[in-house]
Amino acid sequence: MGYFVYILKCKDGSLYTGITTDVKRRFREHKEGKGGHYTSSRGVLKILHTEQFKNRSLASKREVELKGWSRSKKMNLIVGKTTERE
């Protein structure tokens, strides 16, 4: 079983980054308002990006890294202009 880092687009246009073992299940939870305060208060539209890792530690490190990125850098990653890992 692997872990995934994912980026969602919220209804207000903001981006949300998280980790999970099952992206489809977690997205469904976010859509149902069970995914935490940030996404339940804003609503989610779609999954924009996923990355798979072999363990939770690697996924957590990547999640923290992505959360530190600017919106423009995340958007460049999403559209494939960068795969940069700082």
N, C-alpha and C. Protein backbone atom coordinates (compact mmCIF):
# COMPACT_ATOMS: atom_id res chain seq x y z
N MET A 1 0.85 -1.18 0.00
CA MET A 1 0.00 0.00 0.00
C MET A 1 0.89 1.24 0.00
N GLY A 2 0.53 2.20 -0.83
CA GLY A 2 1.29 3.43 -0.90
C GLY A 2 0.52 4.60 -0.31
N TYR A 3 1.20 5.70 -0.25
CA TYR A 3 0.61 6.95 0.21
C TYR A 3 0.64 7.96 -0.92
N PHE A 4 -0.33 8.84 -0.93
CA PHE A 4 -0.43 9.84 -1.97
C PHE A 4 -0.46 11.24 -1.36
N VAL A 5 0.19 12.15 -2.04
CA VAL A 5 0.05 13.58 -1.76
C VAL A 5 -0.86 14.09 -2.86
N TYR A 6 -1.84 14.90 -2.50
CA TYR A 6 -2.78 15.39 -3.50
C TYR A 6 -3.01 16.89 -3.31
N ILE A 7 -3.37 17.51 -4.42
CA ILE A 7 -3.76 18.93 -4.40
C ILE A 7 -5.16 19.02 -4.97
N LEU A 8 -6.06 19.66 -4.21
CA LEU A 8 -7.44 19.87 -4.63
C LEU A 8 -7.68 21.33 -4.95
N LYS A 9 -8.61 21.57 -5.85
CA LYS A 9 -9.09 22.92 -6.09
C LYS A 9 -10.40 23.09 -5.34
N CYS A 10 -10.48 24.13 -4.53
CA CYS A 10 -11.69 24.42 -3.77
C CYS A 10 -12.60 25.36 -4.55
N LYS A 11 -13.86 25.44 -4.15
CA LYS A 11 -14.85 26.25 -4.85
C LYS A 11 -14.50 27.74 -4.85
N ASP A 12 -13.74 28.18 -3.85
CA ASP A 12 -13.34 29.59 -3.81
C ASP A 12 -12.06 29.86 -4.61
N GLY A 13 -11.56 28.82 -5.30
CA GLY A 13 -10.36 28.96 -6.13
C GLY A 13 -9.07 28.64 -5.40
N SER A 14 -9.12 28.45 -4.09
CA SER A 14 -7.91 28.12 -3.34
C SER A 14 -7.51 26.67 -3.58
N LEU A 15 -6.28 26.36 -3.19
CA LEU A 15 -5.74 25.02 -3.34
C LEU A 15 -5.56 24.40 -1.96
N TYR A 16 -5.80 23.10 -1.86
CA TYR A 16 -5.63 22.37 -0.61
C TYR A 16 -4.71 21.19 -0.87
N THR A 17 -3.72 21.00 -0.02
CA THR A 17 -2.78 19.89 -0.15
C THR A 17 -2.92 18.96 1.04
N GLY A 18 -2.95 17.65 0.78
CA GLY A 18 -3.07 16.67 1.85
C GLY A 18 -2.42 15.35 1.46
N ILE A 19 -2.49 14.38 2.39
CA ILE A 19 -1.99 13.03 2.10
C ILE A 19 -3.07 12.01 2.46
N THR A 20 -3.00 10.87 1.79
CA THR A 20 -3.96 9.79 2.02
C THR A 20 -3.42 8.49 1.44
N THR A 21 -4.08 7.39 1.78
CA THR A 21 -3.77 6.10 1.15
C THR A 21 -4.75 5.80 0.01
N ASP A 22 -5.84 6.58 -0.09
CA ASP A 22 -6.87 6.34 -1.09
C ASP A 22 -7.43 7.69 -1.54
N VAL A 23 -6.97 8.14 -2.69
CA VAL A 23 -7.33 9.49 -3.17
C VAL A 23 -8.83 9.61 -3.44
N LYS A 24 -9.42 8.61 -4.08
CA LYS A 24 -10.86 8.68 -4.40
C LYS A 24 -11.71 8.75 -3.13
N ARG A 25 -11.37 7.91 -2.15
CA ARG A 25 -12.12 7.92 -0.88
C ARG A 25 -11.96 9.26 -0.18
N ARG A 26 -10.73 9.78 -0.13
CA ARG A 26 -10.48 11.03 0.57
C ARG A 26 -11.18 12.19 -0.13
N PHE A 27 -11.19 12.20 -1.46
CA PHE A 27 -11.89 13.25 -2.20
C PHE A 27 -13.38 13.20 -1.89
N ARG A 28 -13.95 12.00 -1.85
CA ARG A 28 -15.36 11.84 -1.52
C ARG A 28 -15.64 12.40 -0.11
N GLU A 29 -14.75 12.11 0.84
CA GLU A 29 -14.90 12.65 2.19
C GLU A 29 -14.87 14.17 2.19
N HIS A 30 -13.95 14.74 1.43
CA HIS A 30 -13.90 16.21 1.33
C HIS A 30 -15.20 16.75 0.74
N LYS A 31 -15.69 16.12 -0.32
CA LYS A 31 -16.94 16.57 -0.95
C LYS A 31 -18.13 16.49 0.00
N GLU A 32 -18.12 15.50 0.89
CA GLU A 32 -19.21 15.31 1.85
C GLU A 32 -19.05 16.18 3.09
N GLY A 33 -18.00 17.01 3.11
CA GLY A 33 -17.78 17.89 4.26
C GLY A 33 -17.11 17.22 5.44
N LYS A 34 -16.54 16.04 5.22
CA LYS A 34 -15.90 15.29 6.30
C LYS A 34 -14.38 15.37 6.23
N GLY A 35 -13.86 16.24 5.40
CA GLY A 35 -12.43 16.26 5.15
C GLY A 35 -11.65 17.29 5.93
N GLY A 36 -12.22 17.85 6.96
CA GLY A 36 -11.51 18.87 7.72
C GLY A 36 -12.13 20.23 7.52
N HIS A 37 -11.80 21.15 8.40
CA HIS A 37 -12.43 22.47 8.40
C HIS A 37 -12.17 23.25 7.11
N TYR A 38 -10.93 23.26 6.63
CA TYR A 38 -10.60 24.08 5.45
C TYR A 38 -11.48 23.73 4.26
N THR A 39 -11.53 22.44 3.91
CA THR A 39 -12.30 22.06 2.73
C THR A 39 -13.80 22.03 3.00
N SER A 40 -14.21 21.74 4.22
CA SER A 40 -15.66 21.72 4.48
C SER A 40 -16.23 23.14 4.44
N SER A 41 -15.43 24.13 4.78
CA SER A 41 -15.93 25.52 4.75
C SER A 41 -15.87 26.11 3.35
N ARG A 42 -15.04 25.57 2.48
CA ARG A 42 -14.88 26.12 1.13
C ARG A 42 -15.51 25.25 0.05
N GLY A 43 -15.63 23.97 0.30
CA GLY A 43 -16.10 23.03 -0.71
C GLY A 43 -14.98 22.70 -1.68
N VAL A 44 -15.04 21.54 -2.29
CA VAL A 44 -14.01 21.13 -3.24
C VAL A 44 -14.62 20.90 -4.61
N LEU A 45 -13.82 21.15 -5.64
CA LEU A 45 -14.27 20.96 -7.02
C LEU A 45 -13.64 19.74 -7.68
N LYS A 46 -12.30 19.65 -7.60
CA LYS A 46 -11.65 18.55 -8.30
C LYS A 46 -10.24 18.31 -7.78
N ILE A 47 -9.73 17.15 -8.13
CA ILE A 47 -8.35 16.77 -7.83
C ILE A 47 -7.50 17.31 -8.97
N LEU A 48 -6.49 18.11 -8.62
CA LEU A 48 -5.63 18.69 -9.64
C LEU A 48 -4.32 17.94 -9.83
N HIS A 49 -3.85 17.28 -8.76
CA HIS A 49 -2.52 16.68 -8.83
C HIS A 49 -2.39 15.59 -7.77
N THR A 50 -1.71 14.49 -8.12
CA THR A 50 -1.38 13.45 -7.15
C THR A 50 0.05 12.98 -7.39
N GLU A 51 0.68 12.55 -6.32
CA GLU A 51 2.00 11.92 -6.37
C GLU A 51 1.96 10.73 -5.42
N GLN A 52 2.54 9.61 -5.81
CA GLN A 52 2.52 8.41 -4.97
C GLN A 52 3.89 8.20 -4.34
N PHE A 53 3.88 7.74 -3.08
CA PHE A 53 5.09 7.46 -2.32
C PHE A 53 4.97 6.09 -1.67
N LYS A 54 6.11 5.47 -1.41
CA LYS A 54 6.07 4.11 -0.85
C LYS A 54 5.78 4.07 0.64
N ASN A 55 5.94 5.21 1.35
CA ASN A 55 5.64 5.21 2.78
C ASN A 55 5.14 6.57 3.24
N ARG A 56 4.56 6.58 4.43
CA ARG A 56 3.97 7.80 4.99
C ARG A 56 5.01 8.89 5.23
N SER A 57 6.18 8.49 5.65
CA SER A 57 7.22 9.46 5.95
C SER A 57 7.58 10.29 4.71
N LEU A 58 7.80 9.63 3.58
CA LEU A 58 8.13 10.35 2.35
C LEU A 58 6.97 11.24 1.90
N ALA A 59 5.76 10.72 2.00
CA ALA A 59 4.58 11.50 1.61
C ALA A 59 4.42 12.73 2.51
N SER A 60 4.62 12.56 3.79
CA SER A 60 4.49 13.68 4.73
C SER A 60 5.53 14.76 4.45
N LYS A 61 6.74 14.35 4.15
CA LYS A 61 7.80 15.32 3.83
C LYS A 61 7.43 16.11 2.57
N ARG A 62 6.90 15.42 1.58
CA ARG A 62 6.51 16.10 0.33
C ARG A 62 5.33 17.03 0.58
N GLU A 63 4.37 16.60 1.41
CA GLU A 63 3.22 17.45 1.73
C GLU A 63 3.70 18.75 2.36
N VAL A 64 4.59 18.67 3.32
CA VAL A 64 5.12 19.87 3.98
C VAL A 64 5.83 20.75 2.97
N GLU A 65 6.60 20.13 2.08
CA GLU A 65 7.31 20.89 1.05
C GLU A 65 6.32 21.65 0.17
N LEU A 66 5.30 20.96 -0.33
CA LEU A 66 4.32 21.59 -1.22
C LEU A 66 3.54 22.69 -0.50
N LYS A 67 3.21 22.47 0.76
CA LYS A 67 2.48 23.49 1.51
C LYS A 67 3.29 24.77 1.66
N GLY A 68 4.61 24.67 1.56
CA GLY A 68 5.47 25.84 1.65
C GLY A 68 5.64 26.57 0.33
N TRP A 69 5.15 25.98 -0.74
CA TRP A 69 5.29 26.60 -2.06
C TRP A 69 4.23 27.68 -2.27
N SER A 70 4.55 28.63 -3.12
CA SER A 70 3.58 29.65 -3.53
C SER A 70 2.52 29.00 -4.42
N ARG A 71 1.40 29.68 -4.55
CA ARG A 71 0.34 29.19 -5.43
C ARG A 71 0.85 29.04 -6.86
N SER A 72 1.63 30.01 -7.35
CA SER A 72 2.11 29.95 -8.73
C SER A 72 3.05 28.75 -8.94
N LYS A 73 3.86 28.44 -7.96
CA LYS A 73 4.74 27.29 -8.09
C LYS A 73 3.93 25.99 -8.10
N LYS A 74 2.89 25.92 -7.27
CA LYS A 74 2.01 24.74 -7.28
C LYS A 74 1.32 24.61 -8.63
N MET A 75 0.85 25.72 -9.19
CA MET A 75 0.18 25.67 -10.48
C MET A 75 1.14 25.22 -11.58
N ASN A 76 2.40 25.65 -11.52
CA ASN A 76 3.39 25.18 -12.49
C ASN A 76 3.59 23.67 -12.37
N LEU A 77 3.61 23.15 -11.16
CA LEU A 77 3.71 21.71 -10.96
C LEU A 77 2.50 21.00 -11.57
N ILE A 78 1.32 21.54 -11.33
CA ILE A 78 0.08 20.94 -11.81
C ILE A 78 0.04 20.88 -13.33
N VAL A 79 0.49 21.93 -14.00
CA VAL A 79 0.44 21.95 -15.46
C VAL A 79 1.70 21.33 -16.10
N GLY A 80 2.59 20.82 -15.25
CA GLY A 80 3.74 20.09 -15.76
C GLY A 80 4.93 20.92 -16.12
N LYS A 81 4.97 22.17 -15.68
CA LYS A 81 6.12 23.02 -15.99
C LYS A 81 7.29 22.77 -15.05
N THR A 82 7.02 22.05 -13.96
CA THR A 82 8.11 21.71 -13.04
C THR A 82 7.78 20.42 -12.32
N THR A 83 8.79 19.66 -12.04
CA THR A 83 8.64 18.49 -11.16
C THR A 83 9.60 18.68 -10.00
N GLU A 84 10.04 19.91 -9.85
CA GLU A 84 11.06 20.27 -8.87
C GLU A 84 10.74 19.77 -7.47
N ARG A 85 11.72 19.20 -6.88
CA ARG A 85 11.65 18.80 -5.47
C ARG A 85 12.79 19.50 -4.78
N GLU A 86 12.44 20.44 -3.95
CA GLU A 86 13.47 21.25 -3.28
C GLU A 86 14.14 20.46 -2.19
